[in-house]
Amino acid sequence: MKNQMFMGASTKQGYDIATKSREIIRGLIGDDIKDLAPAERDIVERIVHSTADPEYAKLVHMSADFVEAAMTSLRNKETILTDINMVKYGITQYEGEVECFIKNEEVKKIAKENQITRAAAAMRYAARNDFEGIVVSGNAPTAVFEAMDLYEKGEMNLKAIVGVPVGFVGAADSKEALRNSNIPNIIVEGPKGGTPIAVACVNSLIQNL
């Protein structure tokens, strides 16, 4: 495990605040996460810390193989593919590549020609360009649906999906479909989610390598 940071803290004052926050969080959600493995608990605690919303402890669901699959991919320095740049920029201290293709000109062309979102087109572009690793979606349910479809067709070499898009259109449906798939995954039930959730999850995994 990397020791230089703890929940984003890199100074004594920051570490003290983070430690106190972690104690408060454990007091609030301890019963909800008591049956989780240590790495799974860390993910949920970080999500609650990043949102100040204890309800996430009841909404986060991980497949039994998610942590192992995701951490194996990260240890192998495979690519982290995000749906938007905001998620990409929030992921820190990873020694592999973190990519986001949503502003790529070829992606824009794919989106226009196929009348799909750029987030979905970015998944197609990555799959055509030898992507191997983890897909992380904090905002675009279309990215989750597209990644799942490409995986099921054998066209995308993904190892796990962090599927936590936020919103009232498509988000809950995409996460429920992912939860019921055979892809290693973590989801947030319902419309809640977003960049902070996605970033907290991935940074927790990285810190626990």
C-alpha atoms as a PDB file:
ATOM      1  CA  MET A   1       0.000   0.000   0.000  1.00  0.00           C
ATOM      2  CA  LYS A   2       1.195   3.484  -0.793  1.00  0.00           C
ATOM      3  CA  ASN A   3       1.799   5.517   2.347  1.00  0.00           C
ATOM      4  CA  GLN A   4       2.438   9.019   1.048  1.00  0.00           C
ATOM      5  CA  MET A   5      -1.235  10.004   1.107  1.00  0.00           C
ATOM      6  CA  PHE A   6      -4.294   9.114   3.126  1.00  0.00           C
ATOM      7  CA  MET A   7      -7.694  10.050   1.699  1.00  0.00           C
ATOM      8  CA  GLY A   8      -5.966  12.828  -0.230  1.00  0.00           C
ATOM      9  CA  ALA A   9      -3.923  14.104   2.701  1.00  0.00           C
ATOM     10  CA  SER A  10      -0.182  14.722   2.265  1.00  0.00           C
ATOM     11  CA  THR A  11       0.575  16.974   5.286  1.00  0.00           C
ATOM     12  CA  LYS A  12       0.168  16.427   9.029  1.00  0.00           C
ATOM     13  CA  GLN A  13      -2.752  18.835   9.265  1.00  0.00           C
ATOM     14  CA  GLY A  14      -4.441  17.210   6.298  1.00  0.00           C
ATOM     15  CA  TYR A  15      -3.739  13.752   7.670  1.00  0.00           C
ATOM     16  CA  ASP A  16      -5.207  14.679  11.061  1.00  0.00           C
ATOM     17  CA  ILE A  17      -8.384  16.007   9.406  1.00  0.00           C
ATOM     18  CA  ALA A  18      -8.666  12.946   7.194  1.00  0.00           C
ATOM     19  CA  THR A  19      -8.156  10.615  10.160  1.00  0.00           C
ATOM     20  CA  LYS A  20     -10.870  12.366  12.168  1.00  0.00           C
ATOM     21  CA  SER A  21     -13.176  12.265   9.140  1.00  0.00           C
ATOM     22  CA  ARG A  22     -12.564   8.539   8.762  1.00  0.00           C
ATOM     23  CA  GLU A  23     -13.442   7.989  12.444  1.00  0.00           C
ATOM     24  CA  ILE A  24     -16.705   9.907  12.022  1.00  0.00           C
ATOM     25  CA  ILE A  25     -17.555   7.994   8.852  1.00  0.00           C
ATOM     26  CA  ARG A  26     -16.953   4.640  10.512  1.00  0.00           C
ATOM     27  CA  GLY A  27     -19.244   5.686  13.334  1.00  0.00           C
ATOM     28  CA  LEU A  28     -21.987   6.519  10.832  1.00  0.00           C
ATOM     29  CA  ILE A  29     -21.758   3.559   8.451  1.00  0.00           C
ATOM     30  CA  GLY A  30     -19.953   0.874  10.432  1.00  0.00           C
ATOM     31  CA  ASP A  31     -22.927  -1.480  10.514  1.00  0.00           C
ATOM     32  CA  ASP A  32     -23.506  -1.123   6.777  1.00  0.00           C
ATOM     33  CA  ILE A  33     -19.958  -2.093   5.800  1.00  0.00           C
ATOM     34  CA  LYS A  34     -19.018  -4.554   8.536  1.00  0.00           C
ATOM     35  CA  ASP A  35     -19.311  -7.569   6.233  1.00  0.00           C
ATOM     36  CA  LEU A  36     -17.159  -6.098   3.459  1.00  0.00           C
ATOM     37  CA  ALA A  37     -13.532  -6.990   2.835  1.00  0.00           C
ATOM     38  CA  PRO A  38     -10.976  -4.292   3.841  1.00  0.00           C
ATOM     39  CA  ALA A  39     -10.441  -2.993   0.299  1.00  0.00           C
ATOM     40  CA  GLU A  40     -14.199  -2.847  -0.267  1.00  0.00           C
ATOM     41  CA  ARG A  41     -14.720  -0.984   3.012  1.00  0.00           C
ATOM     42  CA  ASP A  42     -12.055   1.515   2.011  1.00  0.00           C
ATOM     43  CA  ILE A  43     -13.848   2.248  -1.252  1.00  0.00           C
ATOM     44  CA  VAL A  44     -17.172   2.871   0.468  1.00  0.00           C
ATOM     45  CA  GLU A  45     -15.569   4.998   3.198  1.00  0.00           C
ATOM     46  CA  ARG A  46     -13.854   7.154   0.580  1.00  0.00           C
ATOM     47  CA  ILE A  47     -17.094   7.598  -1.325  1.00  0.00           C
ATOM     48  CA  VAL A  48     -18.878   8.715   1.828  1.00  0.00           C
ATOM     49  CA  HIS A  49     -15.948  10.977   2.677  1.00  0.00           C
ATOM     50  CA  SER A  50     -16.011  12.590  -0.781  1.00  0.00           C
ATOM     51  CA  THR A  51     -19.755  13.240  -0.662  1.00  0.00           C
ATOM     52  CA  ALA A  52     -20.478  13.693   3.072  1.00  0.00           C
ATOM     53  CA  ASP A  53     -23.457  11.445   2.374  1.00  0.00           C
ATOM     54  CA  PRO A  54     -23.698   8.266   4.505  1.00  0.00           C
ATOM     55  CA  GLU A  55     -26.537   6.973   2.318  1.00  0.00           C
ATOM     56  CA  TYR A  56     -23.931   5.818  -0.197  1.00  0.00           C
ATOM     57  CA  ALA A  57     -23.015   3.005   2.175  1.00  0.00           C
ATOM     58  CA  LYS A  58     -26.383   1.461   1.337  1.00  0.00           C
ATOM     59  CA  LEU A  59     -26.310   2.310  -2.371  1.00  0.00           C
ATOM     60  CA  VAL A  60     -22.859   1.068  -3.408  1.00  0.00           C
ATOM     61  CA  HIS A  61     -22.766  -2.497  -4.734  1.00  0.00           C
ATOM     62  CA  MET A  62     -19.694  -4.406  -5.903  1.00  0.00           C
ATOM     63  CA  SER A  63     -19.548  -7.735  -7.665  1.00  0.00           C
ATOM     64  CA  ALA A  64     -17.592 -10.327  -5.702  1.00  0.00           C
ATOM     65  CA  ASP A  65     -14.774 -10.253  -8.262  1.00  0.00           C
ATOM     66  CA  PHE A  66     -14.573  -6.468  -8.739  1.00  0.00           C
ATOM     67  CA  VAL A  67     -11.713  -5.533  -6.414  1.00  0.00           C
ATOM     68  CA  GLU A  68      -9.491  -8.424  -7.462  1.00  0.00           C
ATOM     69  CA  ALA A  69     -10.093  -7.854 -11.176  1.00  0.00           C
ATOM     70  CA  ALA A  70      -9.618  -4.093 -10.958  1.00  0.00           C
ATOM     71  CA  MET A  71      -6.491  -4.244  -8.824  1.00  0.00           C
ATOM     72  CA  THR A  72      -4.923  -6.902 -11.042  1.00  0.00           C
ATOM     73  CA  SER A  73      -5.461  -4.611 -14.015  1.00  0.00           C
ATOM     74  CA  LEU A  74      -3.963  -1.667 -12.144  1.00  0.00           C
ATOM     75  CA  ARG A  75      -0.957  -3.673 -10.982  1.00  0.00           C
ATOM     76  CA  ASN A  76      -0.352  -4.566 -14.621  1.00  0.00           C
ATOM     77  CA  LYS A  77      -0.474  -0.830 -15.430  1.00  0.00           C
ATOM     78  CA  GLU A  78      -3.305  -1.289 -17.890  1.00  0.00           C
ATOM     79  CA  THR A  79      -5.234   1.744 -19.079  1.00  0.00           C
ATOM     80  CA  ILE A  80      -7.928   3.527 -17.104  1.00  0.00           C
ATOM     81  CA  LEU A  81     -10.481   4.852 -19.605  1.00  0.00           C
ATOM     82  CA  THR A  82     -12.794   7.573 -18.292  1.00  0.00           C
ATOM     83  CA  ASP A  83     -16.006   8.944 -19.769  1.00  0.00           C
ATOM     84  CA  ILE A  84     -15.140  12.621 -19.215  1.00  0.00           C
ATOM     85  CA  ASN A  85     -11.987  14.598 -18.538  1.00  0.00           C
ATOM     86  CA  MET A  86     -13.156  15.691 -15.086  1.00  0.00           C
ATOM     87  CA  VAL A  87     -12.933  12.078 -13.928  1.00  0.00           C
ATOM     88  CA  LYS A  88      -9.566  11.657 -15.627  1.00  0.00           C
ATOM     89  CA  TYR A  89      -8.067  14.681 -13.865  1.00  0.00           C
ATOM     90  CA  GLY A  90      -9.291  13.488 -10.477  1.00  0.00           C
ATOM     91  CA  ILE A  91      -7.396  10.198 -10.679  1.00  0.00           C
ATOM     92  CA  THR A  92      -3.973  10.609  -9.090  1.00  0.00           C
ATOM     93  CA  GLN A  93      -0.769   8.659  -8.470  1.00  0.00           C
ATOM     94  CA  TYR A  94      -1.412   6.029 -11.107  1.00  0.00           C
ATOM     95  CA  GLU A  95       1.668   4.777 -12.893  1.00  0.00           C
ATOM     96  CA  GLY A  96      -0.228   3.632 -15.973  1.00  0.00           C
ATOM     97  CA  GLU A  97      -2.168   5.622 -18.564  1.00  0.00           C
ATOM     98  CA  VAL A  98      -5.403   7.425 -17.780  1.00  0.00           C
ATOM     99  CA  GLU A  99      -7.222   8.245 -21.012  1.00  0.00           C
ATOM    100  CA  CYS A 100     -10.333  10.154 -22.051  1.00  0.00           C
ATOM    101  CA  PHE A 101     -11.200  10.418 -25.732  1.00  0.00           C
ATOM    102  CA  ILE A 102     -14.375  12.468 -25.573  1.00  0.00           C
ATOM    103  CA  LYS A 103     -12.765  15.466 -27.317  1.00  0.00           C
ATOM    104  CA  ASN A 104     -10.929  13.352 -29.892  1.00  0.00           C
ATOM    105  CA  GLU A 105     -11.766  14.385 -33.465  1.00  0.00           C
ATOM    106  CA  GLU A 106     -12.223  10.793 -34.601  1.00  0.00           C
ATOM    107  CA  VAL A 107     -14.607  10.231 -31.696  1.00  0.00           C
ATOM    108  CA  LYS A 108     -16.657  13.245 -32.742  1.00  0.00           C
ATOM    109  CA  LYS A 109     -16.836  11.770 -36.251  1.00  0.00           C
ATOM    110  CA  ILE A 110     -17.939   8.359 -34.971  1.00  0.00           C
ATOM    111  CA  ALA A 111     -20.626  10.015 -32.843  1.00  0.00           C
ATOM    112  CA  LYS A 112     -21.986  12.041 -35.733  1.00  0.00           C
ATOM    113  CA  GLU A 113     -21.946   9.201 -38.244  1.00  0.00           C
ATOM    114  CA  ASN A 114     -23.695   6.789 -35.883  1.00  0.00           C
ATOM    115  CA  GLN A 115     -25.906   9.312 -34.108  1.00  0.00           C
ATOM    116  CA  ILE A 116     -24.639   8.267 -30.682  1.00  0.00           C
ATOM    117  CA  THR A 117     -23.198  10.261 -27.809  1.00  0.00           C
ATOM    118  CA  ARG A 118     -19.514  11.145 -27.794  1.00  0.00           C
ATOM    119  CA  ALA A 119     -19.153   9.171 -24.565  1.00  0.00           C
ATOM    120  CA  ALA A 120     -20.377   6.042 -26.344  1.00  0.00           C
ATOM    121  CA  ALA A 121     -18.278   6.835 -29.410  1.00  0.00           C
ATOM    122  CA  ALA A 122     -15.217   7.146 -27.173  1.00  0.00           C
ATOM    123  CA  MET A 123     -15.746   3.568 -26.025  1.00  0.00           C
ATOM    124  CA  ARG A 124     -15.868   2.397 -29.649  1.00  0.00           C
ATOM    125  CA  TYR A 125     -12.749   4.372 -30.474  1.00  0.00           C
ATOM    126  CA  ALA A 126     -10.860   2.892 -27.527  1.00  0.00           C
ATOM    127  CA  ALA A 127     -11.951  -0.629 -28.423  1.00  0.00           C
ATOM    128  CA  ARG A 128     -10.666  -0.136 -31.987  1.00  0.00           C
ATOM    129  CA  ASN A 129      -7.339   1.117 -30.691  1.00  0.00           C
ATOM    130  CA  ASP A 130      -6.235  -1.807 -28.532  1.00  0.00           C
ATOM    131  CA  PHE A 131      -7.663  -0.626 -25.222  1.00  0.00           C
ATOM    132  CA  GLU A 132      -7.075  -2.992 -22.331  1.00  0.00           C
ATOM    133  CA  GLY A 133      -8.010  -2.105 -18.773  1.00  0.00           C
ATOM    134  CA  ILE A 134     -10.761  -0.497 -16.708  1.00  0.00           C
ATOM    135  CA  VAL A 135     -13.651   1.674 -17.868  1.00  0.00           C
ATOM    136  CA  VAL A 136     -14.683   4.403 -15.415  1.00  0.00           C
ATOM    137  CA  SER A 137     -17.958   6.260 -15.926  1.00  0.00           C
ATOM    138  CA  GLY A 138     -19.119   8.923 -13.508  1.00  0.00           C
ATOM    139  CA  ASN A 139     -21.403  10.841 -15.824  1.00  0.00           C
ATOM    140  CA  ALA A 140     -22.440   9.072 -19.028  1.00  0.00           C
ATOM    141  CA  PRO A 141     -24.727   6.029 -18.870  1.00  0.00           C
ATOM    142  CA  THR A 142     -24.258   5.657 -22.623  1.00  0.00           C
ATOM    143  CA  ALA A 143     -20.582   4.905 -21.972  1.00  0.00           C
ATOM    144  CA  VAL A 144     -21.585   2.090 -19.617  1.00  0.00           C
ATOM    145  CA  PHE A 145     -24.083   0.611 -22.075  1.00  0.00           C
ATOM    146  CA  GLU A 146     -21.598   0.845 -24.953  1.00  0.00           C
ATOM    147  CA  ALA A 147     -18.719  -0.688 -22.991  1.00  0.00           C
ATOM    148  CA  MET A 148     -20.954  -3.567 -21.913  1.00  0.00           C
ATOM    149  CA  ASP A 149     -22.112  -4.149 -25.489  1.00  0.00           C
ATOM    150  CA  LEU A 150     -18.573  -4.105 -26.860  1.00  0.00           C
ATOM    151  CA  TYR A 151     -17.422  -6.493 -24.137  1.00  0.00           C
ATOM    152  CA  GLU A 152     -20.265  -8.920 -24.799  1.00  0.00           C
ATOM    153  CA  LYS A 153     -19.432  -8.885 -28.513  1.00  0.00           C
ATOM    154  CA  GLY A 154     -15.803  -9.660 -27.719  1.00  0.00           C
ATOM    155  CA  GLU A 155     -14.691  -6.328 -29.138  1.00  0.00           C
ATOM    156  CA  MET A 156     -13.425  -4.641 -25.968  1.00  0.00           C
ATOM    157  CA  ASN A 157     -10.743  -6.022 -23.686  1.00  0.00           C
ATOM    158  CA  LEU A 158     -11.999  -4.541 -20.444  1.00  0.00           C
ATOM    159  CA  LYS A 159     -11.306  -6.033 -17.034  1.00  0.00           C
ATOM    160  CA  ALA A 160     -13.807  -4.133 -14.878  1.00  0.00           C
ATOM    161  CA  ILE A 161     -16.244  -1.237 -15.001  1.00  0.00           C
ATOM    162  CA  VAL A 162     -16.676   1.507 -12.440  1.00  0.00           C
ATOM    163  CA  GLY A 163     -20.233   2.366 -13.423  1.00  0.00           C
ATOM    164  CA  VAL A 164     -21.476   5.269 -11.334  1.00  0.00           C
ATOM    165  CA  PRO A 165     -23.067   7.744 -13.777  1.00  0.00           C
ATOM    166  CA  VAL A 166     -25.345  10.349 -12.242  1.00  0.00           C
ATOM    167  CA  GLY A 167     -28.712  11.496 -13.563  1.00  0.00           C
ATOM    168  CA  PHE A 168     -32.383  10.829 -14.084  1.00  0.00           C
ATOM    169  CA  VAL A 169     -32.216   9.564 -17.681  1.00  0.00           C
ATOM    170  CA  GLY A 170     -30.576   6.211 -18.260  1.00  0.00           C
ATOM    171  CA  ALA A 171     -28.228   6.249 -15.275  1.00  0.00           C
ATOM    172  CA  ALA A 172     -30.163   3.882 -13.008  1.00  0.00           C
ATOM    173  CA  ASP A 173     -30.940   1.566 -15.930  1.00  0.00           C
ATOM    174  CA  SER A 174     -27.315   1.377 -17.044  1.00  0.00           C
ATOM    175  CA  LYS A 175     -26.149   0.573 -13.532  1.00  0.00           C
ATOM    176  CA  GLU A 176     -28.783  -2.101 -12.981  1.00  0.00           C
ATOM    177  CA  ALA A 177     -27.829  -3.731 -16.291  1.00  0.00           C
ATOM    178  CA  LEU A 178     -24.168  -3.632 -15.308  1.00  0.00           C
ATOM    179  CA  ARG A 179     -24.902  -5.056 -11.873  1.00  0.00           C
ATOM    180  CA  ASN A 180     -26.667  -8.002 -13.521  1.00  0.00           C
ATOM    181  CA  SER A 181     -23.861  -8.625 -16.030  1.00  0.00           C
ATOM    182  CA  ASN A 182     -20.872 -10.937 -15.705  1.00  0.00           C
ATOM    183  CA  ILE A 183     -18.435  -8.012 -15.871  1.00  0.00           C
ATOM    184  CA  PRO A 184     -16.581  -7.215 -12.620  1.00  0.00           C
ATOM    185  CA  ASN A 185     -18.230  -3.995 -11.506  1.00  0.00           C
ATOM    186  CA  ILE A 186     -19.074  -1.426  -8.901  1.00  0.00           C
ATOM    187  CA  ILE A 187     -22.282   0.599  -9.161  1.00  0.00           C
ATOM    188  CA  VAL A 188     -24.329   3.083  -7.186  1.00  0.00           C
ATOM    189  CA  GLU A 189     -27.987   2.138  -7.104  1.00  0.00           C
ATOM    190  CA  GLY A 190     -30.470   4.668  -8.487  1.00  0.00           C
ATOM    191  CA  PRO A 191     -29.829   8.122  -9.985  1.00  0.00           C
ATOM    192  CA  LYS A 192     -27.039   9.128  -7.609  1.00  0.00           C
ATOM    193  CA  GLY A 193     -23.392   9.026  -8.683  1.00  0.00           C
ATOM    194  CA  GLY A 194     -21.010  11.380 -10.428  1.00  0.00           C
ATOM    195  CA  THR A 195     -17.380  12.350 -10.742  1.00  0.00           C
ATOM    196  CA  PRO A 196     -16.537  12.367  -6.992  1.00  0.00           C
ATOM    197  CA  ILE A 197     -17.809   8.796  -6.649  1.00  0.00           C
ATOM    198  CA  ALA A 198     -15.858   7.516  -9.637  1.00  0.00           C
ATOM    199  CA  VAL A 199     -12.675   9.273  -8.538  1.00  0.00           C
ATOM    200  CA  ALA A 200     -12.970   8.093  -4.920  1.00  0.00           C
ATOM    201  CA  CYS A 201     -13.357   4.499  -6.057  1.00  0.00           C
ATOM    202  CA  VAL A 202     -10.388   4.477  -8.409  1.00  0.00           C
ATOM    203  CA  ASN A 203      -8.070   6.388  -6.072  1.00  0.00           C
ATOM    204  CA  SER A 204      -8.926   3.968  -3.275  1.00  0.00           C
ATOM    205  CA  LEU A 205      -7.900   1.053  -5.478  1.00  0.00           C
ATOM    206  CA  ILE A 206      -4.671   2.794  -6.466  1.00  0.00           C
ATOM    207  CA  GLN A 207      -3.775   3.607  -2.867  1.00  0.00           C
ATOM    208  CA  ASN A 208      -4.288  -0.011  -1.890  1.00  0.00           C
ATOM    209  CA  LEU A 209      -2.040  -1.494  -4.568  1.00  0.00           C
END
